[in-house]
Structures are given as C-alpha cells and as structure tokens.
Amino acid sequence: MTGDEFEPGTGTDHDRAVDWPDRWSDRERVECYVGAVTGDVTVADIAEACGLSEGRVREILEELTAEDSALVQAGEDAWQWDEAALREQEREQFAEMDEEEVRQILERIEAEIAEWRDEFNAAEPGDVDDPEVEYDWRHNEHTRALILAVLGEWEYDVREQTGDESDPRALDVIARMVARAGQTRPPELVDEEISDVIDEHGEDAVRQCAWDILRGHGTFRTCGQNHFGETYPGILIGTSVTECLSRMQDS
C-alpha cells in the first residue's frame, strides 16, 4: 500500500510511521518531522515518517505555508524551513519581551537541555531516540542562540572584566578562534581538532562554549560537558580561545 492510496484527511497508517505519541495530531507530526530534519524534505518522506497519505501531507503543508512564510518550497514536492526567516521572527518576538522574562526562558531552556543530556546520556539531539525530545532539544538550542543575541550577550567586552580599555571584545576573540580553525594554512593540532568539533556540533555550539569560558561560567572541562556532553571539546576550545585572547591583548 502506498501513501497516495489513502484519501486526504483520512486516518493514519501507524504500522509504517514513526512511533509518535498517540495524542499527536496529523499536523503536529508533520510540523515536528519537518522541524527536526536538516535541509529539505520531500512529501514522500514526510508521508512515510508520519504515517499519512501524500495528499494529506500536502494539505497540511499548504496550511503551514499560508500561516508561516518561513516554510518554503525547495523544489518539486520538497520543503524546508527558511532559517533566516525563522530567526528574524523569533528575534522580533524576544525583543518585544521584558529582559527578566527572556532570561527566565533562557534558564528553563538550559535546565531542559541539561536534563535531556543526563536522562538519555546524549551529547546532542541526534543522539536521542525519541522524536519529540529530539525536536524540542533542537528548537531549544536554536532559541538559546537567539536569546543570547537579543540580550546583547555577544557584545560583552573582555575589558568589562579586566577594566582595561585596550582589551578586545569577547566577540572578536571568539571570531579569531573560529577563523583560525577554518584557515587553509597548516593548522596547529588544536585548530584542526576545533575544526572537527565545528563540523560535528556546529559553529554556534562552539561559539557558545567559548563564550561561557570567557565569562568564567565554568572550567574548560565543565563548559565542554555542558555544551557537548564530554569534556575534551571544552579543553580544546578553552585552550584556543584563551591563547587568542592573550595574543590580542599583547598586540
């Protein structure tokens, strides 16, 4: 039996679908699956994963695109979220909120991520064999990055801690570290390994770990464990970002 043999709007073929929570509607399944996939996803993929007919999936996608301009077509029968549009939408929402309320959301997000790491012994969303948690975790990481931007955290100056007006901004120090990892020159071992961490976990996660280290929010090991579920990436990032800071202070 194929997905198109189902009539649009009819029931779900649970035998061929992801093990979704029973309470989830067709729309919730589609939203979750599309949101958890990196890049574009086809109607056929969504139909198979959600246990729906392709006709029903198209109905839901039409509803979603009518309501949210961030969901865009990426070719024939393929869809994806426009990350730039999503970021701008959420950034605007946070910018309209009180700072205290935004910080409370940030604290809740970080507590949830820490809880999932412990519960599932996982370093990142892709390590979790639970579609609902994976989706929520990815969304939390995305939201955390937006909140930090809205709060102006990335504008934090090292000079605020040292009192020395000649000291660089943390943002510039982190940018130097990331640039070193991406250079084509023969890299130092630590740069090469940070490049591997970026490939595996993403640049945002590396920047956030470096940010916490510069702010003194934990040791290299603690920050690595908090962001990646293991200490070694924190040691690499801490070593590199503090070396970059030292060189920039000396120059």
Protein backbone atom coordinates (compact mmCIF):
# COMPACT_ATOMS: atom_id res chain seq x y z
CA MET A 1 0.00 0.00 0.00
CA THR A 2 1.36 3.47 -0.90
CA GLY A 3 0.70 6.78 0.79
CA ASP A 4 -1.40 8.00 -2.14
CA GLU A 5 -3.88 5.16 -1.66
CA PHE A 6 -5.10 6.96 1.45
CA GLU A 7 -7.73 9.61 0.89
CA PRO A 8 -6.66 13.10 2.01
CA GLY A 9 -7.85 13.82 5.50
CA THR A 10 -8.32 10.17 6.48
CA GLY A 11 -6.61 8.19 9.22
CA THR A 12 -3.02 7.25 9.90
CA ASP A 13 -1.20 4.07 8.92
CA HIS A 14 0.52 3.54 12.27
CA ASP A 15 2.30 0.39 11.12
CA ARG A 16 4.63 2.29 8.81
CA ALA A 17 5.05 5.51 10.79
CA VAL A 18 7.48 6.74 13.39
CA ASP A 19 6.33 5.80 16.89
CA TRP A 20 4.58 9.12 17.53
CA PRO A 21 2.77 9.90 20.79
CA ASP A 22 -0.87 8.85 20.42
CA ARG A 23 -2.12 12.31 21.36
CA TRP A 24 -0.34 13.99 18.45
CA SER A 25 -2.47 15.21 15.56
CA ASP A 26 -1.53 14.81 11.89
CA ARG A 27 -0.40 18.43 11.82
CA GLU A 28 1.77 18.10 14.93
CA ARG A 29 3.53 15.09 13.40
CA VAL A 30 4.26 16.95 10.17
CA GLU A 31 5.46 20.07 11.99
CA CYS A 32 7.74 18.02 14.23
CA TYR A 33 9.21 15.91 11.43
CA VAL A 34 9.91 18.87 9.12
CA GLY A 35 11.36 20.83 12.02
CA ALA A 36 13.71 18.02 13.03
CA VAL A 37 15.14 17.47 9.53
CA THR A 38 18.18 19.44 8.41
CA GLY A 39 17.74 20.76 4.89
CA ASP A 40 14.86 19.97 2.58
CA VAL A 41 12.43 17.09 2.97
CA THR A 42 10.10 15.54 0.40
CA VAL A 43 6.39 14.97 0.68
CA ALA A 44 7.02 11.24 0.29
CA ASP A 45 9.49 11.25 3.22
CA ILE A 46 7.04 13.13 5.42
CA ALA A 47 4.19 10.81 4.47
CA GLU A 48 6.20 7.71 5.31
CA ALA A 49 7.52 9.04 8.61
CA CYS A 50 4.16 10.41 9.75
CA GLY A 51 2.03 7.53 8.51
CA LEU A 52 -0.10 9.79 6.33
CA SER A 53 -1.10 9.91 2.70
CA GLU A 54 0.89 12.22 0.48
CA GLY A 55 -2.35 14.05 -0.24
CA ARG A 56 -2.92 14.67 3.47
CA VAL A 57 0.69 15.88 3.87
CA ARG A 58 0.22 18.38 1.03
CA GLU A 59 -2.94 19.69 2.71
CA ILE A 60 -1.05 20.27 5.96
CA LEU A 61 1.94 21.87 4.21
CA GLU A 62 -0.41 24.27 2.42
CA GLU A 63 -1.92 25.24 5.77
CA LEU A 64 1.51 25.74 7.33
CA THR A 65 2.91 27.84 4.47
CA ALA A 66 -0.22 30.02 4.49
CA GLU A 67 0.36 30.72 8.20
CA ASP A 68 4.16 30.92 8.26
CA SER A 69 6.29 32.40 5.49
CA ALA A 70 9.36 30.68 6.93
CA LEU A 71 8.26 27.32 5.50
CA VAL A 72 9.21 27.41 1.83
CA GLN A 73 9.18 25.09 -1.14
CA ALA A 74 12.64 23.75 -2.06
CA GLY A 75 11.93 22.18 -5.41
CA GLU A 76 9.21 19.92 -6.71
CA ASP A 77 7.49 18.19 -3.79
CA ALA A 78 10.23 19.28 -1.35
CA TRP A 79 10.03 21.73 1.56
CA GLN A 80 12.30 23.30 4.15
CA TRP A 81 12.33 25.96 6.84
CA ASP A 82 13.95 29.26 5.85
CA GLU A 83 16.36 29.54 8.78
CA ALA A 84 16.94 33.27 8.28
CA ALA A 85 13.21 33.98 8.33
CA LEU A 86 12.72 31.82 11.42
CA ARG A 87 15.50 33.58 13.27
CA GLU A 88 14.12 37.00 12.41
CA GLN A 89 10.60 36.05 13.52
CA GLU A 90 11.74 34.73 16.87
CA ARG A 91 14.24 37.54 17.39
CA GLU A 92 11.42 40.07 16.99
CA GLN A 93 9.27 38.19 19.49
CA PHE A 94 12.01 38.14 22.13
CA ALA A 95 12.91 41.78 21.51
CA GLU A 96 9.36 42.77 22.50
CA MET A 97 9.54 40.93 25.84
CA ASP A 98 10.87 42.13 29.19
CA GLU A 99 14.50 41.24 29.84
CA GLU A 100 13.66 39.35 33.04
CA GLU A 101 11.12 37.21 31.20
CA VAL A 102 13.61 36.43 28.43
CA ARG A 103 16.27 35.43 30.96
CA GLN A 104 13.78 33.12 32.68
CA ILE A 105 13.15 31.40 29.34
CA LEU A 106 16.90 31.02 28.85
CA GLU A 107 17.28 29.43 32.29
CA ARG A 108 14.45 26.99 31.57
CA ILE A 109 15.97 26.05 28.20
CA GLU A 110 19.40 25.37 29.69
CA ALA A 111 17.87 23.30 32.50
CA GLU A 112 15.87 21.21 30.00
CA ILE A 113 18.93 20.55 27.81
CA ALA A 114 20.96 19.50 30.87
CA GLU A 115 18.15 17.17 31.94
CA TRP A 116 17.95 15.55 28.49
CA ARG A 117 21.72 15.04 28.43
CA ASP A 118 21.51 13.19 31.73
CA GLU A 119 18.32 11.25 31.01
CA PHE A 120 19.38 9.99 27.57
CA ASN A 121 23.16 10.02 28.13
CA ALA A 122 23.31 12.14 24.98
CA ALA A 123 25.62 14.93 23.85
CA GLU A 124 23.30 16.38 21.20
CA PRO A 125 19.75 16.00 19.80
CA GLY A 126 20.75 13.46 17.16
CA ASP A 127 21.81 11.03 19.90
CA VAL A 128 18.25 10.80 21.27
CA ASP A 129 15.97 8.00 20.05
CA ASP A 130 12.81 9.96 20.78
CA PRO A 131 11.39 12.24 18.03
CA GLU A 132 9.58 14.52 20.45
CA VAL A 133 12.64 15.15 22.62
CA GLU A 134 14.94 15.49 19.60
CA TYR A 135 12.66 18.14 18.10
CA ASP A 136 12.34 20.04 21.39
CA TRP A 137 16.10 19.88 22.00
CA ARG A 138 16.94 21.24 18.54
CA HIS A 139 14.40 24.01 18.97
CA ASN A 140 15.81 24.88 22.40
CA GLU A 141 19.34 25.20 21.05
CA HIS A 142 18.09 27.41 18.24
CA THR A 143 16.10 29.55 20.68
CA ARG A 144 19.03 29.82 23.10
CA ALA A 145 21.24 31.32 20.37
CA LEU A 146 18.54 33.86 19.52
CA ILE A 147 18.04 34.86 23.14
CA LEU A 148 21.76 35.43 23.61
CA ALA A 149 21.74 37.69 20.57
CA VAL A 150 18.70 39.62 21.77
CA LEU A 151 20.17 40.12 25.22
CA GLY A 152 23.26 41.56 23.61
CA GLU A 153 25.43 38.86 25.22
CA TRP A 154 27.64 38.66 22.16
CA GLU A 155 28.50 42.33 22.65
CA TYR A 156 30.12 41.55 26.00
CA ASP A 157 33.59 43.10 26.31
CA VAL A 158 36.56 41.39 27.91
CA ARG A 159 37.51 44.91 29.05
CA GLU A 160 34.40 44.91 31.28
CA GLN A 161 36.05 42.19 33.34
CA THR A 162 39.63 43.48 33.23
CA GLY A 163 38.91 47.19 33.39
CA ASP A 164 41.47 47.72 30.62
CA GLU A 165 40.04 49.78 27.75
CA SER A 166 42.62 48.33 25.38
CA ASP A 167 41.34 44.77 25.82
CA PRO A 168 39.31 43.21 22.97
CA ARG A 169 35.66 42.29 22.85
CA ALA A 170 34.81 38.65 23.52
CA LEU A 171 33.04 38.51 20.17
CA ASP A 172 36.28 39.43 18.40
CA VAL A 173 38.29 36.89 20.38
CA ILE A 174 35.84 34.10 19.51
CA ALA A 175 35.78 35.19 15.86
CA ARG A 176 39.59 34.93 15.78
CA MET A 177 39.44 31.41 17.24
CA VAL A 178 36.84 30.25 14.68
CA ALA A 179 38.78 31.85 11.83
CA ARG A 180 41.97 30.06 12.88
CA ALA A 181 40.13 26.73 12.83
CA GLY A 182 38.97 27.39 9.27
CA GLN A 183 42.22 28.60 7.77
CA THR A 184 43.84 26.59 4.99
CA ARG A 185 47.39 27.09 6.33
CA PRO A 186 48.98 24.05 8.00
CA PRO A 187 46.98 24.20 11.25
CA GLU A 188 48.17 23.68 14.75
CA LEU A 189 46.71 20.47 16.16
CA VAL A 190 44.25 22.30 18.42
CA ASP A 191 42.92 24.35 15.47
CA GLU A 192 42.43 21.22 13.40
CA GLU A 193 40.58 19.50 16.22
CA ILE A 194 38.34 22.52 16.82
CA SER A 195 37.52 22.44 13.11
CA ASP A 196 36.38 18.85 13.65
CA VAL A 197 34.24 19.94 16.63
CA ILE A 198 32.61 22.61 14.44
CA ASP A 199 31.89 20.03 11.75
CA GLU A 200 30.30 17.68 14.30
CA HIS A 201 28.40 20.08 16.57
CA GLY A 202 28.07 23.32 14.60
CA GLU A 203 29.73 26.71 14.89
CA ASP A 204 27.03 28.12 17.21
CA ALA A 205 27.74 25.46 19.85
CA VAL A 206 31.49 26.14 19.68
CA ARG A 207 30.95 29.89 19.98
CA GLN A 208 28.62 29.45 22.97
CA CYS A 209 31.12 27.19 24.73
CA ALA A 210 33.89 29.75 24.14
CA TRP A 211 31.56 32.46 25.37
CA ASP A 212 30.93 30.66 28.65
CA ILE A 213 34.65 30.09 29.14
CA LEU A 214 35.46 33.77 28.63
CA ARG A 215 32.67 34.76 31.01
CA GLY A 216 34.01 32.41 33.67
CA HIS A 217 30.85 30.29 33.73
CA GLY A 218 32.86 27.13 34.37
CA THR A 219 36.17 25.38 33.79
CA PHE A 220 37.16 24.23 30.31
CA ARG A 221 36.01 20.72 31.24
CA THR A 222 32.70 21.88 32.72
CA CYS A 223 31.84 24.04 29.71
CA GLY A 224 32.70 21.16 27.38
CA GLN A 225 30.46 18.81 29.33
CA ASN A 226 27.63 21.35 29.38
CA HIS A 227 27.69 22.00 25.65
CA PHE A 228 28.85 18.71 24.15
CA GLY A 229 28.28 16.06 26.79
CA GLU A 230 32.04 15.45 27.04
CA THR A 231 34.95 17.39 28.46
CA TYR A 232 37.55 17.19 25.67
CA PRO A 233 35.96 19.74 23.26
CA GLY A 234 35.85 22.21 26.15
CA ILE A 235 39.56 21.73 26.77
CA LEU A 236 40.31 22.34 23.08
CA ILE A 237 38.12 25.43 22.86
CA GLY A 238 39.33 26.84 26.17
CA THR A 239 42.96 26.39 25.18
CA SER A 240 42.45 28.07 21.82
CA VAL A 241 40.22 30.96 22.89
CA THR A 242 42.46 31.92 25.81
CA GLU A 243 45.51 31.80 23.54
CA CYS A 244 43.70 34.07 21.07
CA LEU A 245 42.82 36.43 23.92
CA SER A 246 46.43 36.55 25.09
CA ARG A 247 47.75 37.27 21.61
CA MET A 248 45.16 40.01 21.04
CA GLN A 249 45.97 41.60 24.39
CA ASP A 250 49.67 41.59 23.52
CA SER A 251 49.17 43.09 20.06
